[in-house]
Amino acid sequence: MKKLLTIILVVVMAAAMVSCADDGVIVWDYMNLDSPVYPSIPMLIEWSNEIYERTNGRFRINIRVGGELPFTTSEYIEVVSNGLVEMAGAMITAVSPSLRAASLPSLPFMITDEASFHAVMGVLNPYIDAELAEWGVFNAMTLFHPYQEIYGIGPVPSSYRDLAGLRLRTTGAQQARFWHEVGLIPTPIDAAEVSSALNTRIIEGVTAASMAVDLNRWYESLEWVYVCNQMFIPVYVVVNNAAWNRLPADIQEVFKEVTAEFIATYPQRIIEAHHRSLAHMEANGIVFIQASEEDRQALRNIAVPLWREFAIANNAQSALAEIERVLNIPQ
């Protein structure tokens, strides 16, 4: 892998030398896993354009969407660390093996809404900074994919117990472990194959954000959604330290100012997009089943021992203890 990355680095650096020789304009790439139609992409383009304008055209950040660059999502931190790309949106369920305490939000039923997102991130920010520093990168901002739910076909569940035996496409190893514990059958399927896998009953459900189900039109092959607020998935926007240090101080200040403004409005905007997707799917016949408070609590009770097991394996017990305290988890 390191030899391959070195070869790619030479190619990318050669290309960068050409692209940056544009009347002195500094050009960065921001690697993102989302498709061009995902709501976060237009938002990031607005953010990039604002930076470009406020630096009087001296600094341009190209938003590279999923599949545009030849790297897998699990490699994002390593790729930025090696300077192949200046920055990337590293989804925690994909990059958790690269981190320790900072990977805790990959666990289901830890971050279940915006309030718990802010509470957990408030605990983890020092851990995130320290662990990313080992890679020679830093976290410019933390975004999220909201409200991962269970979408399925077949008999409509009235409780999480009715999901037992469902062949489910999950996101990340920790989701797979959790839903296996609940009694489902995690089944690895590439996103591009979800619709055909549903139509042929290779899988009978997906756990995903509403916007992914909506914009990929997976709802055309689905019948219902079990709304249990399984998790928000954080995205660490990692930046290469060396690239950052090469920026002039005034450009760094503009970057920080525009990013702070972006972070202030992102949660509301992305959650509004989530609700638009829910409304569109409901209009297209998806049946909504709201999990009872008792079911949500029972699912969290299944999750917490898995949190603790994960924390021991990743030397993250102190961080988890702080998280459990702010979430009021019984000891």
C-alpha atoms as a PDB file:
ATOM      1  CA  MET A   1       0.000   0.000   0.000  1.00  0.00           C
ATOM      2  CA  LYS A   2       2.757   2.486   0.931  1.00  0.00           C
ATOM      3  CA  LYS A   3       4.594   1.846  -2.357  1.00  0.00           C
ATOM      4  CA  LEU A   4       1.363   2.388  -4.292  1.00  0.00           C
ATOM      5  CA  LEU A   5       0.653   5.602  -2.390  1.00  0.00           C
ATOM      6  CA  THR A   6       4.180   6.825  -3.139  1.00  0.00           C
ATOM      7  CA  ILE A   7       3.664   6.252  -6.862  1.00  0.00           C
ATOM      8  CA  ILE A   8       0.315   8.021  -6.765  1.00  0.00           C
ATOM      9  CA  LEU A   9       1.863  10.860  -4.762  1.00  0.00           C
ATOM     10  CA  VAL A  10       4.401  11.546  -7.511  1.00  0.00           C
ATOM     11  CA  VAL A  11       1.623  11.682 -10.108  1.00  0.00           C
ATOM     12  CA  VAL A  12      -0.612  13.919  -7.986  1.00  0.00           C
ATOM     13  CA  MET A  13       2.227  16.286  -7.102  1.00  0.00           C
ATOM     14  CA  ALA A  14       3.104  16.642 -10.784  1.00  0.00           C
ATOM     15  CA  ALA A  15      -0.512  17.478 -11.565  1.00  0.00           C
ATOM     16  CA  ALA A  16      -0.651  19.901  -8.641  1.00  0.00           C
ATOM     17  CA  MET A  17       2.404  21.789  -9.926  1.00  0.00           C
ATOM     18  CA  VAL A  18       0.520  22.452 -13.153  1.00  0.00           C
ATOM     19  CA  SER A  19      -2.841  23.340 -11.546  1.00  0.00           C
ATOM     20  CA  CYS A  20      -1.292  25.704  -8.989  1.00  0.00           C
ATOM     21  CA  ALA A  21       0.596  27.661 -11.636  1.00  0.00           C
ATOM     22  CA  ASP A  22      -2.604  29.607 -12.358  1.00  0.00           C
ATOM     23  CA  ASP A  23      -1.559  33.229 -11.792  1.00  0.00           C
ATOM     24  CA  GLY A  24      -0.480  32.310  -8.281  1.00  0.00           C
ATOM     25  CA  VAL A  25      -3.857  30.892  -7.237  1.00  0.00           C
ATOM     26  CA  ILE A  26      -3.521  28.247  -4.526  1.00  0.00           C
ATOM     27  CA  VAL A  27      -5.633  25.212  -5.438  1.00  0.00           C
ATOM     28  CA  TRP A  28      -6.658  22.471  -3.036  1.00  0.00           C
ATOM     29  CA  ASP A  29      -8.776  19.366  -3.445  1.00  0.00           C
ATOM     30  CA  TYR A  30     -11.422  18.371  -0.899  1.00  0.00           C
ATOM     31  CA  MET A  31     -12.236  14.671  -1.309  1.00  0.00           C
ATOM     32  CA  ASN A  32     -15.802  13.700  -0.403  1.00  0.00           C
ATOM     33  CA  LEU A  33     -17.623  10.383  -0.608  1.00  0.00           C
ATOM     34  CA  ASP A  34     -21.041  11.879  -1.441  1.00  0.00           C
ATOM     35  CA  SER A  35     -22.594  12.087  -4.897  1.00  0.00           C
ATOM     36  CA  PRO A  36     -23.126  15.478  -6.595  1.00  0.00           C
ATOM     37  CA  VAL A  37     -26.856  15.456  -5.745  1.00  0.00           C
ATOM     38  CA  TYR A  38     -26.371  14.860  -2.009  1.00  0.00           C
ATOM     39  CA  PRO A  39     -27.417  18.044  -0.124  1.00  0.00           C
ATOM     40  CA  SER A  40     -24.044  18.510   1.587  1.00  0.00           C
ATOM     41  CA  ILE A  41     -22.269  18.957  -1.766  1.00  0.00           C
ATOM     42  CA  PRO A  42     -24.002  22.220  -2.817  1.00  0.00           C
ATOM     43  CA  MET A  43     -23.418  23.480   0.731  1.00  0.00           C
ATOM     44  CA  LEU A  44     -19.695  22.692   0.508  1.00  0.00           C
ATOM     45  CA  ILE A  45     -19.485  24.346  -2.903  1.00  0.00           C
ATOM     46  CA  GLU A  46     -21.034  27.496  -1.378  1.00  0.00           C
ATOM     47  CA  TRP A  47     -18.443  27.314   1.423  1.00  0.00           C
ATOM     48  CA  SER A  48     -15.615  26.920  -1.097  1.00  0.00           C
ATOM     49  CA  ASN A  49     -16.901  29.770  -3.271  1.00  0.00           C
ATOM     50  CA  GLU A  50     -17.131  32.059  -0.250  1.00  0.00           C
ATOM     51  CA  ILE A  51     -13.501  31.342   0.640  1.00  0.00           C
ATOM     52  CA  TYR A  52     -12.493  32.026  -2.966  1.00  0.00           C
ATOM     53  CA  GLU A  53     -14.333  35.359  -2.996  1.00  0.00           C
ATOM     54  CA  ARG A  54     -13.078  36.553   0.391  1.00  0.00           C
ATOM     55  CA  THR A  55      -9.489  35.770  -0.587  1.00  0.00           C
ATOM     56  CA  ASN A  56      -9.986  37.785  -3.781  1.00  0.00           C
ATOM     57  CA  GLY A  57      -9.519  34.710  -5.923  1.00  0.00           C
ATOM     58  CA  ARG A  58      -6.223  33.660  -4.327  1.00  0.00           C
ATOM     59  CA  PHE A  59      -7.412  30.333  -2.827  1.00  0.00           C
ATOM     60  CA  ARG A  60      -9.685  27.806  -4.499  1.00  0.00           C
ATOM     61  CA  ILE A  61     -10.877  24.515  -2.980  1.00  0.00           C
ATOM     62  CA  ASN A  62     -12.224  22.006  -5.499  1.00  0.00           C
ATOM     63  CA  ILE A  63     -14.943  19.768  -4.052  1.00  0.00           C
ATOM     64  CA  ARG A  64     -14.240  16.272  -5.393  1.00  0.00           C
ATOM     65  CA  VAL A  65     -17.328  14.062  -5.137  1.00  0.00           C
ATOM     66  CA  GLY A  66     -17.502  10.324  -4.568  1.00  0.00           C
ATOM     67  CA  GLY A  67     -15.668   8.300  -7.209  1.00  0.00           C
ATOM     68  CA  GLU A  68     -13.880  11.300  -8.702  1.00  0.00           C
ATOM     69  CA  LEU A  69     -10.533  10.380  -7.114  1.00  0.00           C
ATOM     70  CA  PRO A  70      -9.099   6.818  -6.949  1.00  0.00           C
ATOM     71  CA  PHE A  71      -9.276   6.267  -3.197  1.00  0.00           C
ATOM     72  CA  THR A  72     -11.621   4.276  -0.986  1.00  0.00           C
ATOM     73  CA  THR A  73     -13.381   5.939   1.940  1.00  0.00           C
ATOM     74  CA  SER A  74     -11.389   3.864   4.439  1.00  0.00           C
ATOM     75  CA  GLU A  75      -8.167   5.450   3.087  1.00  0.00           C
ATOM     76  CA  TYR A  76      -9.195   9.093   3.465  1.00  0.00           C
ATOM     77  CA  ILE A  77      -7.103   9.903   6.548  1.00  0.00           C
ATOM     78  CA  GLU A  78      -4.058   8.103   5.157  1.00  0.00           C
ATOM     79  CA  VAL A  79      -4.417   9.824   1.779  1.00  0.00           C
ATOM     80  CA  VAL A  80      -4.569  13.282   3.363  1.00  0.00           C
ATOM     81  CA  SER A  81      -1.735  12.361   5.723  1.00  0.00           C
ATOM     82  CA  ASN A  82       0.464  11.479   2.729  1.00  0.00           C
ATOM     83  CA  GLY A  83      -0.382  14.749   0.978  1.00  0.00           C
ATOM     84  CA  LEU A  84      -2.093  13.105  -1.980  1.00  0.00           C
ATOM     85  CA  VAL A  85      -5.109  15.329  -1.288  1.00  0.00           C
ATOM     86  CA  GLU A  86      -5.106  18.432   0.904  1.00  0.00           C
ATOM     87  CA  MET A  87      -8.345  17.644   2.723  1.00  0.00           C
ATOM     88  CA  ALA A  88     -11.164  15.105   2.906  1.00  0.00           C
ATOM     89  CA  GLY A  89     -14.480  14.405   4.604  1.00  0.00           C
ATOM     90  CA  ALA A  90     -13.660  11.237   6.563  1.00  0.00           C
ATOM     91  CA  MET A  91     -16.873   9.416   7.538  1.00  0.00           C
ATOM     92  CA  ILE A  92     -16.261   7.797  10.911  1.00  0.00           C
ATOM     93  CA  THR A  93     -17.824   4.433  10.044  1.00  0.00           C
ATOM     94  CA  ALA A  94     -15.275   4.109   7.223  1.00  0.00           C
ATOM     95  CA  VAL A  95     -12.125   5.404   8.944  1.00  0.00           C
ATOM     96  CA  SER A  96     -12.659   4.103  12.499  1.00  0.00           C
ATOM     97  CA  PRO A  97      -9.794   1.537  12.195  1.00  0.00           C
ATOM     98  CA  SER A  98      -7.417   4.510  11.812  1.00  0.00           C
ATOM     99  CA  LEU A  99      -8.446   5.998  15.169  1.00  0.00           C
ATOM    100  CA  ARG A 100      -9.058   5.052  18.801  1.00  0.00           C
ATOM    101  CA  ALA A 101     -11.278   7.202  21.052  1.00  0.00           C
ATOM    102  CA  ALA A 102     -12.119   9.361  18.043  1.00  0.00           C
ATOM    103  CA  SER A 103     -13.793   6.304  16.487  1.00  0.00           C
ATOM    104  CA  LEU A 104     -16.362   5.894  19.281  1.00  0.00           C
ATOM    105  CA  PRO A 105     -19.140   7.667  17.313  1.00  0.00           C
ATOM    106  CA  SER A 106     -19.104   4.759  14.850  1.00  0.00           C
ATOM    107  CA  LEU A 107     -21.112   2.880  17.487  1.00  0.00           C
ATOM    108  CA  PRO A 108     -24.917   2.735  17.092  1.00  0.00           C
ATOM    109  CA  PHE A 109     -27.220   4.485  19.572  1.00  0.00           C
ATOM    110  CA  MET A 110     -24.485   6.781  20.874  1.00  0.00           C
ATOM    111  CA  ILE A 111     -25.318   9.849  18.764  1.00  0.00           C
ATOM    112  CA  THR A 112     -29.038   9.745  18.050  1.00  0.00           C
ATOM    113  CA  ASP A 113     -29.916  13.415  17.489  1.00  0.00           C
ATOM    114  CA  GLU A 114     -28.362  16.870  17.212  1.00  0.00           C
ATOM    115  CA  ALA A 115     -28.187  17.391  20.981  1.00  0.00           C
ATOM    116  CA  SER A 116     -26.268  14.167  21.565  1.00  0.00           C
ATOM    117  CA  PHE A 117     -24.049  14.982  18.568  1.00  0.00           C
ATOM    118  CA  HIS A 118     -22.916  18.216  20.228  1.00  0.00           C
ATOM    119  CA  ALA A 119     -22.575  16.532  23.627  1.00  0.00           C
ATOM    120  CA  VAL A 120     -20.435  13.650  22.351  1.00  0.00           C
ATOM    121  CA  MET A 121     -18.301  15.858  20.118  1.00  0.00           C
ATOM    122  CA  GLY A 122     -17.735  18.210  23.046  1.00  0.00           C
ATOM    123  CA  VAL A 123     -16.156  15.307  24.912  1.00  0.00           C
ATOM    124  CA  LEU A 124     -14.237  13.904  21.975  1.00  0.00           C
ATOM    125  CA  ASN A 125     -12.718  17.011  20.375  1.00  0.00           C
ATOM    126  CA  PRO A 126      -9.469  16.832  22.421  1.00  0.00           C
ATOM    127  CA  TYR A 127      -9.123  13.124  21.595  1.00  0.00           C
ATOM    128  CA  ILE A 128      -9.815  13.778  17.911  1.00  0.00           C
ATOM    129  CA  ASP A 129      -7.178  16.528  17.801  1.00  0.00           C
ATOM    130  CA  ALA A 130      -4.545  14.343  19.478  1.00  0.00           C
ATOM    131  CA  GLU A 131      -5.197  11.242  17.358  1.00  0.00           C
ATOM    132  CA  LEU A 132      -5.322  13.105  14.049  1.00  0.00           C
ATOM    133  CA  ALA A 133      -2.082  14.913  14.952  1.00  0.00           C
ATOM    134  CA  GLU A 134      -0.378  11.506  14.867  1.00  0.00           C
ATOM    135  CA  TRP A 135      -1.308  11.387  11.170  1.00  0.00           C
ATOM    136  CA  GLY A 136      -0.055  14.910  10.473  1.00  0.00           C
ATOM    137  CA  VAL A 137      -3.589  16.221   9.901  1.00  0.00           C
ATOM    138  CA  PHE A 138      -6.161  18.240  11.846  1.00  0.00           C
ATOM    139  CA  ASN A 139      -9.949  18.405  11.993  1.00  0.00           C
ATOM    140  CA  ALA A 140     -11.220  21.623  10.406  1.00  0.00           C
ATOM    141  CA  MET A 141     -14.857  20.859  11.256  1.00  0.00           C
ATOM    142  CA  THR A 142     -17.111  17.936  12.108  1.00  0.00           C
ATOM    143  CA  LEU A 143     -20.181  17.418   9.914  1.00  0.00           C
ATOM    144  CA  PHE A 144     -22.704  14.585  10.093  1.00  0.00           C
ATOM    145  CA  HIS A 145     -25.101  12.372   8.154  1.00  0.00           C
ATOM    146  CA  PRO A 146     -28.326  12.499  10.187  1.00  0.00           C
ATOM    147  CA  TYR A 147     -30.808   9.876  11.281  1.00  0.00           C
ATOM    148  CA  GLN A 148     -29.768   6.427  10.114  1.00  0.00           C
ATOM    149  CA  GLU A 149     -32.892   4.244  10.149  1.00  0.00           C
ATOM    150  CA  ILE A 150     -33.884   0.722   9.066  1.00  0.00           C
ATOM    151  CA  TYR A 151     -35.604   0.532   5.659  1.00  0.00           C
ATOM    152  CA  GLY A 152     -37.029  -2.778   4.513  1.00  0.00           C
ATOM    153  CA  ILE A 153     -39.325  -4.951   2.452  1.00  0.00           C
ATOM    154  CA  GLY A 154     -41.710  -7.690   3.517  1.00  0.00           C
ATOM    155  CA  PRO A 155     -43.796  -7.841   6.714  1.00  0.00           C
ATOM    156  CA  VAL A 156     -44.086  -4.452   8.415  1.00  0.00           C
ATOM    157  CA  PRO A 157     -42.442  -4.577  11.874  1.00  0.00           C
ATOM    158  CA  SER A 158     -44.213  -3.263  14.955  1.00  0.00           C
ATOM    159  CA  SER A 159     -41.130  -3.691  17.177  1.00  0.00           C
ATOM    160  CA  TYR A 160     -37.392  -4.159  16.751  1.00  0.00           C
ATOM    161  CA  ARG A 161     -37.956  -7.818  17.664  1.00  0.00           C
ATOM    162  CA  ASP A 162     -39.837  -8.236  14.376  1.00  0.00           C
ATOM    163  CA  LEU A 163     -36.608  -7.361  12.512  1.00  0.00           C
ATOM    164  CA  ALA A 164     -34.922 -10.606  13.555  1.00  0.00           C
ATOM    165  CA  GLY A 165     -33.656 -12.568  10.565  1.00  0.00           C
ATOM    166  CA  LEU A 166     -33.779  -9.581   8.197  1.00  0.00           C
ATOM    167  CA  ARG A 167     -30.864  -9.570   5.737  1.00  0.00           C
ATOM    168  CA  LEU A 168     -29.606  -6.016   6.200  1.00  0.00           C
ATOM    169  CA  ARG A 169     -27.062  -3.923   4.318  1.00  0.00           C
ATOM    170  CA  THR A 170     -25.138  -2.007   7.003  1.00  0.00           C
ATOM    171  CA  THR A 171     -22.516   0.767   7.014  1.00  0.00           C
ATOM    172  CA  GLY A 172     -19.323  -0.121   8.860  1.00  0.00           C
ATOM    173  CA  ALA A 173     -18.211  -2.956  11.105  1.00  0.00           C
ATOM    174  CA  GLN A 174     -19.788  -1.561  14.273  1.00  0.00           C
ATOM    175  CA  GLN A 175     -23.249  -1.287  12.709  1.00  0.00           C
ATOM    176  CA  ALA A 176     -22.914  -4.843  11.462  1.00  0.00           C
ATOM    177  CA  ARG A 177     -21.874  -6.084  14.913  1.00  0.00           C
ATOM    178  CA  PHE A 178     -24.762  -4.313  16.634  1.00  0.00           C
ATOM    179  CA  TRP A 179     -27.530  -5.477  14.304  1.00  0.00           C
ATOM    180  CA  HIS A 180     -26.162  -9.018  14.409  1.00  0.00           C
ATOM    181  CA  GLU A 181     -26.489  -8.817  18.185  1.00  0.00           C
ATOM    182  CA  VAL A 182     -30.126  -7.735  17.741  1.00  0.00           C
ATOM    183  CA  GLY A 183     -30.763 -10.764  15.533  1.00  0.00           C
ATOM    184  CA  LEU A 184     -30.495  -9.396  11.996  1.00  0.00           C
ATOM    185  CA  ILE A 185     -28.179 -10.744   9.293  1.00  0.00           C
ATOM    186  CA  PRO A 186     -25.689  -8.037   8.167  1.00  0.00           C
ATOM    187  CA  THR A 187     -24.982  -8.493   4.469  1.00  0.00           C
ATOM    188  CA  PRO A 188     -22.214  -6.547   2.652  1.00  0.00           C
ATOM    189  CA  ILE A 189     -23.508  -4.942  -0.534  1.00  0.00           C
ATOM    190  CA  ASP A 190     -21.976  -2.061  -2.513  1.00  0.00           C
ATOM    191  CA  ALA A 191     -24.176   1.030  -2.699  1.00  0.00           C
ATOM    192  CA  ALA A 192     -24.428   0.734  -6.478  1.00  0.00           C
ATOM    193  CA  GLU A 193     -25.945  -2.744  -6.099  1.00  0.00           C
ATOM    194  CA  VAL A 194     -28.535  -2.008  -3.386  1.00  0.00           C
ATOM    195  CA  SER A 195     -31.570  -1.692  -5.657  1.00  0.00           C
ATOM    196  CA  SER A 196     -30.847  -4.904  -7.563  1.00  0.00           C
ATOM    197  CA  ALA A 197     -30.036  -6.730  -4.304  1.00  0.00           C
ATOM    198  CA  LEU A 198     -33.396  -5.642  -2.870  1.00  0.00           C
ATOM    199  CA  ASN A 199     -35.269  -6.608  -6.032  1.00  0.00           C
ATOM    200  CA  THR A 200     -33.728 -10.087  -6.002  1.00  0.00           C
ATOM    201  CA  ARG A 201     -34.094 -10.456  -2.194  1.00  0.00           C
ATOM    202  CA  ILE A 202     -30.361 -10.869  -1.664  1.00  0.00           C
ATOM    203  CA  ILE A 203     -31.023  -8.299   1.030  1.00  0.00           C
ATOM    204  CA  GLU A 204     -34.321  -7.311   2.617  1.00  0.00           C
ATOM    205  CA  GLY A 205     -33.304  -3.984   4.086  1.00  0.00           C
ATOM    206  CA  VAL A 206     -30.742  -1.221   4.429  1.00  0.00           C
ATOM    207  CA  THR A 207     -29.649   0.984   7.276  1.00  0.00           C
ATOM    208  CA  ALA A 208     -29.071   4.413   5.808  1.00  0.00           C
ATOM    209  CA  ALA A 209     -29.772   8.122   6.036  1.00  0.00           C
ATOM    210  CA  SER A 210     -33.051   9.225   4.468  1.00  0.00           C
ATOM    211  CA  MET A 211     -31.236  11.309   1.865  1.00  0.00           C
ATOM    212  CA  ALA A 212     -29.251   8.303   0.641  1.00  0.00           C
ATOM    213  CA  VAL A 213     -32.432   6.253   0.286  1.00  0.00           C
ATOM    214  CA  ASP A 214     -34.247   9.117  -1.420  1.00  0.00           C
ATOM    215  CA  LEU A 215     -31.566  10.393  -3.806  1.00  0.00           C
ATOM    216  CA  ASN A 216     -30.453   6.894  -4.828  1.00  0.00           C
ATOM    217  CA  ARG A 217     -34.135   6.040  -5.395  1.00  0.00           C
ATOM    218  CA  TRP A 218     -33.798   2.958  -3.211  1.00  0.00           C
ATOM    219  CA  TYR A 219     -37.303   3.717  -1.957  1.00  0.00           C
ATOM    220  CA  GLU A 220     -38.613   2.340  -5.259  1.00  0.00           C
ATOM    221  CA  SER A 221     -37.506  -1.108  -4.047  1.00  0.00           C
ATOM    222  CA  LEU A 222     -38.470  -0.601  -0.382  1.00  0.00           C
ATOM    223  CA  GLU A 223     -41.780  -0.687   1.479  1.00  0.00           C
ATOM    224  CA  TRP A 224     -41.299   0.630   5.003  1.00  0.00           C
ATOM    225  CA  VAL A 225     -38.958   2.410   7.414  1.00  0.00           C
ATOM    226  CA  TYR A 226     -38.530   1.593  11.104  1.00  0.00           C
ATOM    227  CA  VAL A 227     -37.692   4.967  12.689  1.00  0.00           C
ATOM    228  CA  CYS A 228     -35.525   4.255  15.736  1.00  0.00           C
ATOM    229  CA  ASN A 229     -32.953   7.097  15.444  1.00  0.00           C
ATOM    230  CA  GLN A 230     -30.122   4.580  15.285  1.00  0.00           C
ATOM    231  CA  MET A 231     -27.343   7.124  14.815  1.00  0.00           C
ATOM    232  CA  PHE A 232     -25.918  10.267  13.305  1.00  0.00           C
ATOM    233  CA  ILE A 233     -22.645   9.473  11.482  1.00  0.00           C
ATOM    234  CA  PRO A 234     -19.959  12.152  12.076  1.00  0.00           C
ATOM    235  CA  VAL A 235     -17.654  13.239   9.277  1.00  0.00           C
ATOM    236  CA  TYR A 236     -14.246  14.622  10.275  1.00  0.00           C
ATOM    237  CA  VAL A 237     -13.059  17.157   7.703  1.00  0.00           C
ATOM    238  CA  VAL A 238      -9.329  16.469   7.903  1.00  0.00           C
ATOM    239  CA  VAL A 239      -6.675  18.846   6.564  1.00  0.00           C
ATOM    240  CA  ASN A 240      -2.999  18.123   5.852  1.00  0.00           C
ATOM    241  CA  ASN A 241      -0.870  20.096   8.328  1.00  0.00           C
ATOM    242  CA  ALA A 242       1.954  20.812   5.879  1.00  0.00           C
ATOM    243  CA  ALA A 243      -0.460  22.145   3.257  1.00  0.00           C
ATOM    244  CA  TRP A 244      -2.131  24.302   5.896  1.00  0.00           C
ATOM    245  CA  ASN A 245       1.180  25.723   7.102  1.00  0.00           C
ATOM    246  CA  ARG A 246       2.059  26.769   3.549  1.00  0.00           C
ATOM    247  CA  LEU A 247      -1.030  28.990   3.335  1.00  0.00           C
ATOM    248  CA  PRO A 248      -0.477  32.712   3.960  1.00  0.00           C
ATOM    249  CA  ALA A 249      -1.747  33.826   7.371  1.00  0.00           C
ATOM    250  CA  ASP A 250      -4.528  36.007   5.931  1.00  0.00           C
ATOM    251  CA  ILE A 251      -5.877  33.092   3.874  1.00  0.00           C
ATOM    252  CA  GLN A 252      -5.818  30.879   6.964  1.00  0.00           C
ATOM    253  CA  GLU A 253      -7.914  33.511   8.777  1.00  0.00           C
ATOM    254  CA  VAL A 254     -10.471  33.643   5.953  1.00  0.00           C
ATOM    255  CA  PHE A 255     -10.676  29.845   5.933  1.00  0.00           C
ATOM    256  CA  LYS A 256     -11.369  29.794   9.677  1.00  0.00           C
ATOM    257  CA  GLU A 257     -13.950  32.597   9.502  1.00  0.00           C
ATOM    258  CA  VAL A 258     -15.925  31.077   6.629  1.00  0.00           C
ATOM    259  CA  THR A 259     -15.733  27.614   8.174  1.00  0.00           C
ATOM    260  CA  ALA A 260     -17.117  28.896  11.495  1.00  0.00           C
ATOM    261  CA  GLU A 261     -20.038  30.489   9.628  1.00  0.00           C
ATOM    262  CA  PHE A 262     -20.635  27.255   7.712  1.00  0.00           C
ATOM    263  CA  ILE A 263     -20.661  25.141  10.880  1.00  0.00           C
ATOM    264  CA  ALA A 264     -23.212  27.483  12.465  1.00  0.00           C
ATOM    265  CA  THR A 265     -25.829  26.785   9.768  1.00  0.00           C
ATOM    266  CA  TYR A 266     -24.974  23.250   8.616  1.00  0.00           C
ATOM    267  CA  PRO A 267     -26.970  21.254  11.207  1.00  0.00           C
ATOM    268  CA  GLN A 268     -30.247  23.035  10.499  1.00  0.00           C
ATOM    269  CA  ARG A 269     -29.768  22.877   6.725  1.00  0.00           C
ATOM    270  CA  ILE A 270     -28.873  19.189   6.571  1.00  0.00           C
ATOM    271  CA  ILE A 271     -31.712  18.229   8.926  1.00  0.00           C
ATOM    272  CA  GLU A 272     -34.141  20.226   6.779  1.00  0.00           C
ATOM    273  CA  ALA A 273     -32.889  18.234   3.776  1.00  0.00           C
ATOM    274  CA  HIS A 274     -33.490  15.050   5.780  1.00  0.00           C
ATOM    275  CA  HIS A 275     -37.123  16.031   6.390  1.00  0.00           C
ATOM    276  CA  ARG A 276     -37.629  16.841   2.706  1.00  0.00           C
ATOM    277  CA  SER A 277     -36.416  13.347   1.822  1.00  0.00           C
ATOM    278  CA  LEU A 278     -38.748  11.786   4.393  1.00  0.00           C
ATOM    279  CA  ALA A 279     -41.712  13.687   2.957  1.00  0.00           C
ATOM    280  CA  HIS A 280     -40.806  12.635  -0.583  1.00  0.00           C
ATOM    281  CA  MET A 281     -40.539   8.971   0.372  1.00  0.00           C
ATOM    282  CA  GLU A 282     -43.823   9.069   2.278  1.00  0.00           C
ATOM    283  CA  ALA A 283     -45.476  10.582  -0.787  1.00  0.00           C
ATOM    284  CA  ASN A 284     -44.081   7.639  -2.764  1.00  0.00           C
ATOM    285  CA  GLY A 285     -45.680   5.032  -0.526  1.00  0.00           C
ATOM    286  CA  ILE A 286     -43.087   4.258   2.142  1.00  0.00           C
ATOM    287  CA  VAL A 287     -44.828   3.201   5.378  1.00  0.00           C
ATOM    288  CA  PHE A 288     -43.412   4.805   8.540  1.00  0.00           C
ATOM    289  CA  ILE A 289     -43.201   2.861  11.810  1.00  0.00           C
ATOM    290  CA  GLN A 290     -42.120   4.948  14.794  1.00  0.00           C
ATOM    291  CA  ALA A 291     -40.158   2.946  17.342  1.00  0.00           C
ATOM    292  CA  SER A 292     -41.600   3.213  20.836  1.00  0.00           C
ATOM    293  CA  GLU A 293     -39.543   4.819  23.590  1.00  0.00           C
ATOM    294  CA  GLU A 294     -39.345   1.354  25.162  1.00  0.00           C
ATOM    295  CA  ASP A 295     -37.901  -0.101  21.949  1.00  0.00           C
ATOM    296  CA  ARG A 296     -35.334   2.694  21.618  1.00  0.00           C
ATOM    297  CA  GLN A 297     -34.254   2.198  25.212  1.00  0.00           C
ATOM    298  CA  ALA A 298     -34.036  -1.570  24.729  1.00  0.00           C
ATOM    299  CA  LEU A 299     -31.852  -1.069  21.641  1.00  0.00           C
ATOM    300  CA  ARG A 300     -29.552   1.298  23.519  1.00  0.00           C
ATOM    301  CA  ASN A 301     -29.339  -1.250  26.337  1.00  0.00           C
ATOM    302  CA  ILE A 302     -28.076  -3.763  23.768  1.00  0.00           C
ATOM    303  CA  ALA A 303     -25.638  -1.176  22.399  1.00  0.00           C
ATOM    304  CA  VAL A 304     -23.977  -0.019  25.625  1.00  0.00           C
ATOM    305  CA  PRO A 305     -22.114  -3.275  26.416  1.00  0.00           C
ATOM    306  CA  LEU A 306     -20.814  -3.216  22.840  1.00  0.00           C
ATOM    307  CA  TRP A 307     -19.594   0.364  23.383  1.00  0.00           C
ATOM    308  CA  ARG A 308     -17.658  -0.779  26.427  1.00  0.00           C
ATOM    309  CA  GLU A 309     -16.193  -3.784  24.652  1.00  0.00           C
ATOM    310  CA  PHE A 310     -15.107  -1.546  21.757  1.00  0.00           C
ATOM    311  CA  ALA A 311     -13.581   1.009  24.145  1.00  0.00           C
ATOM    312  CA  ILE A 312     -11.466  -1.665  25.863  1.00  0.00           C
ATOM    313  CA  ALA A 313     -10.214  -2.949  22.491  1.00  0.00           C
ATOM    314  CA  ASN A 314      -9.295   0.609  21.423  1.00  0.00           C
ATOM    315  CA  ASN A 315      -7.872   1.918  24.718  1.00  0.00           C
ATOM    316  CA  ALA A 316     -10.712   4.448  24.876  1.00  0.00           C
ATOM    317  CA  GLN A 317     -12.267   3.692  28.268  1.00  0.00           C
ATOM    318  CA  SER A 318     -11.682   7.199  29.669  1.00  0.00           C
ATOM    319  CA  ALA A 319     -13.303   8.884  26.685  1.00  0.00           C
ATOM    320  CA  LEU A 320     -16.268   6.523  26.810  1.00  0.00           C
ATOM    321  CA  ALA A 321     -16.735   7.134  30.534  1.00  0.00           C
ATOM    322  CA  GLU A 322     -16.997  10.872  29.817  1.00  0.00           C
ATOM    323  CA  ILE A 323     -19.477  10.226  27.000  1.00  0.00           C
ATOM    324  CA  GLU A 324     -21.628   7.992  29.178  1.00  0.00           C
ATOM    325  CA  ARG A 325     -21.685  10.711  31.825  1.00  0.00           C
ATOM    326  CA  VAL A 326     -22.901  13.447  29.443  1.00  0.00           C
ATOM    327  CA  LEU A 327     -25.474  11.045  27.960  1.00  0.00           C
ATOM    328  CA  ASN A 328     -26.695  10.013  31.424  1.00  0.00           C
ATOM    329  CA  ILE A 329     -26.041   6.317  30.811  1.00  0.00           C
ATOM    330  CA  PRO A 330     -26.668   4.261  33.994  1.00  0.00           C
ATOM    331  CA  GLN A 331     -23.552   2.582  35.333  1.00  0.00           C
END
